Amino acid sequence: MLFYLVLKVMSPFRWPKVEHDLALVKEYTESRPSKPDEWDKVAKRLSVVFHSEVKGRGCREHLDLLIKKHKANEKKALKR
C-alpha cells in the first residue's frame, strides 16, 4: 500500500481533459507568470482544483505545447 502511495505521488500529471487545459489557460491569463516561482504558484492553485500534484515546469511546458499546436492549426487554416 505504501509503495502505491509513493508511486502515485511521484507520477507526473498527464493533462487528461480539455477542462484541465482551459483551467491552465485561465490561470495563465489571470497571473501572466514569467519566473519559475510564479509558475509554481500557478501549479499550486491548479493542484487544488485538479486534486493531483501539478508542477510549475509542467504547467509552463504544457502551455507552450498548446500554443504551438494552436499556431500550427492557424497556419493550416490560412493555407486553405
C-alpha atoms as a PDB file:
ATOM      1  CA  MET A   1       0.000   0.000   0.000  1.00  0.00           C
ATOM      2  CA  LEU A   2       2.791   2.441   0.863  1.00  0.00           C
ATOM      3  CA  PHE A   3       4.508   1.705  -2.452  1.00  0.00           C
ATOM      4  CA  TYR A   4       1.298   2.576  -4.304  1.00  0.00           C
ATOM      5  CA  LEU A   5       1.011   5.901  -2.499  1.00  0.00           C
ATOM      6  CA  VAL A   6       4.626   6.824  -3.232  1.00  0.00           C
ATOM      7  CA  LEU A   7       4.258   5.839  -6.877  1.00  0.00           C
ATOM      8  CA  LYS A   8       1.031   7.844  -7.230  1.00  0.00           C
ATOM      9  CA  VAL A   9       2.623  10.983  -5.766  1.00  0.00           C
ATOM     10  CA  MET A  10       5.660  10.682  -8.000  1.00  0.00           C
ATOM     11  CA  SER A  11       3.826  10.130 -11.284  1.00  0.00           C
ATOM     12  CA  PRO A  12       3.553  13.268 -13.435  1.00  0.00           C
ATOM     13  CA  PHE A  13       0.234  14.888 -14.228  1.00  0.00           C
ATOM     14  CA  ARG A  14      -0.847  13.981 -17.780  1.00  0.00           C
ATOM     15  CA  TRP A  15      -3.438  16.702 -18.601  1.00  0.00           C
ATOM     16  CA  PRO A  16      -6.166  14.159 -19.451  1.00  0.00           C
ATOM     17  CA  LYS A  17      -9.106  16.508 -20.078  1.00  0.00           C
ATOM     18  CA  VAL A  18      -9.829  19.632 -22.078  1.00  0.00           C
ATOM     19  CA  GLU A  19     -11.122  21.196 -18.850  1.00  0.00           C
ATOM     20  CA  HIS A  20      -7.576  20.969 -17.460  1.00  0.00           C
ATOM     21  CA  ASP A  21      -6.214  22.819 -20.482  1.00  0.00           C
ATOM     22  CA  LEU A  22      -8.843  25.527 -20.089  1.00  0.00           C
ATOM     23  CA  ALA A  23      -8.089  25.906 -16.381  1.00  0.00           C
ATOM     24  CA  LEU A  24      -4.374  26.268 -17.195  1.00  0.00           C
ATOM     25  CA  VAL A  25      -5.043  28.938 -19.813  1.00  0.00           C
ATOM     26  CA  LYS A  26      -7.364  30.790 -17.425  1.00  0.00           C
ATOM     27  CA  GLU A  27      -4.760  30.752 -14.643  1.00  0.00           C
ATOM     28  CA  TYR A  28      -2.116  31.932 -17.092  1.00  0.00           C
ATOM     29  CA  THR A  29      -4.172  34.847 -18.369  1.00  0.00           C
ATOM     30  CA  GLU A  30      -5.004  35.948 -14.836  1.00  0.00           C
ATOM     31  CA  SER A  31      -1.446  35.936 -13.479  1.00  0.00           C
ATOM     32  CA  ARG A  32       0.889  36.042 -16.540  1.00  0.00           C
ATOM     33  CA  PRO A  33       3.725  34.135 -14.821  1.00  0.00           C
ATOM     34  CA  SER A  34       7.218  34.577 -16.204  1.00  0.00           C
ATOM     35  CA  LYS A  35       9.516  33.355 -13.416  1.00  0.00           C
ATOM     36  CA  PRO A  36       9.737  29.778 -12.117  1.00  0.00           C
ATOM     37  CA  ASP A  37       8.372  30.710  -8.684  1.00  0.00           C
ATOM     38  CA  GLU A  38       5.352  32.355 -10.332  1.00  0.00           C
ATOM     39  CA  TRP A  39       4.712  29.161 -12.333  1.00  0.00           C
ATOM     40  CA  ASP A  40       4.936  27.209  -9.070  1.00  0.00           C
ATOM     41  CA  LYS A  41       2.149  29.392  -7.640  1.00  0.00           C
ATOM     42  CA  VAL A  42       0.002  28.640 -10.698  1.00  0.00           C
ATOM     43  CA  ALA A  43       0.743  24.928 -10.232  1.00  0.00           C
ATOM     44  CA  LYS A  44      -0.297  25.054  -6.570  1.00  0.00           C
ATOM     45  CA  ARG A  45      -3.636  26.618  -7.464  1.00  0.00           C
ATOM     46  CA  LEU A  46      -4.245  24.058 -10.207  1.00  0.00           C
ATOM     47  CA  SER A  47      -3.227  21.190  -7.908  1.00  0.00           C
ATOM     48  CA  VAL A  48      -6.073  22.126  -5.591  1.00  0.00           C
ATOM     49  CA  VAL A  49      -8.557  22.244  -8.455  1.00  0.00           C
ATOM     50  CA  PHE A  50      -7.346  19.001 -10.094  1.00  0.00           C
ATOM     51  CA  HIS A  51      -6.888  17.077  -6.821  1.00  0.00           C
ATOM     52  CA  SER A  52      -3.499  15.998  -8.167  1.00  0.00           C
ATOM     53  CA  GLU A  53       0.016  17.347  -7.897  1.00  0.00           C
ATOM     54  CA  VAL A  54       0.991  19.641 -10.760  1.00  0.00           C
ATOM     55  CA  LYS A  55       4.460  21.135 -11.192  1.00  0.00           C
ATOM     56  CA  GLY A  56       5.214  24.662 -12.339  1.00  0.00           C
ATOM     57  CA  ARG A  57       7.524  23.442 -15.063  1.00  0.00           C
ATOM     58  CA  GLY A  58       4.861  21.032 -16.300  1.00  0.00           C
ATOM     59  CA  CYS A  59       2.356  23.884 -16.499  1.00  0.00           C
ATOM     60  CA  ARG A  60       4.752  26.045 -18.490  1.00  0.00           C
ATOM     61  CA  GLU A  61       5.704  23.235 -20.864  1.00  0.00           C
ATOM     62  CA  HIS A  62       2.087  22.207 -21.436  1.00  0.00           C
ATOM     63  CA  LEU A  63       1.032  25.785 -22.146  1.00  0.00           C
ATOM     64  CA  ASP A  64       3.912  26.091 -24.624  1.00  0.00           C
ATOM     65  CA  LEU A  65       2.672  22.907 -26.327  1.00  0.00           C
ATOM     66  CA  LEU A  66      -0.907  24.232 -26.502  1.00  0.00           C
ATOM     67  CA  ILE A  67       0.319  27.475 -28.070  1.00  0.00           C
ATOM     68  CA  LYS A  68       2.480  25.567 -30.571  1.00  0.00           C
ATOM     69  CA  LYS A  69      -0.472  23.379 -31.608  1.00  0.00           C
ATOM     70  CA  HIS A  70      -2.738  26.424 -31.930  1.00  0.00           C
ATOM     71  CA  LYS A  71      -0.247  28.215 -34.176  1.00  0.00           C
ATOM     72  CA  ALA A  72       0.138  25.121 -36.353  1.00  0.00           C
ATOM     73  CA  ASN A  73      -3.654  24.873 -36.748  1.00  0.00           C
ATOM     74  CA  GLU A  74      -3.859  28.568 -37.633  1.00  0.00           C
ATOM     75  CA  LYS A  75      -1.268  28.144 -40.378  1.00  0.00           C
ATOM     76  CA  LYS A  76      -3.167  25.184 -41.828  1.00  0.00           C
ATOM     77  CA  ALA A  77      -6.407  27.178 -41.808  1.00  0.00           C
ATOM     78  CA  LEU A  78      -4.769  30.141 -43.552  1.00  0.00           C
ATOM     79  CA  LYS A  79      -3.444  27.892 -46.345  1.00  0.00           C
ATOM     80  CA  ARG A  80      -6.959  26.725 -47.249  1.00  0.00           C
END
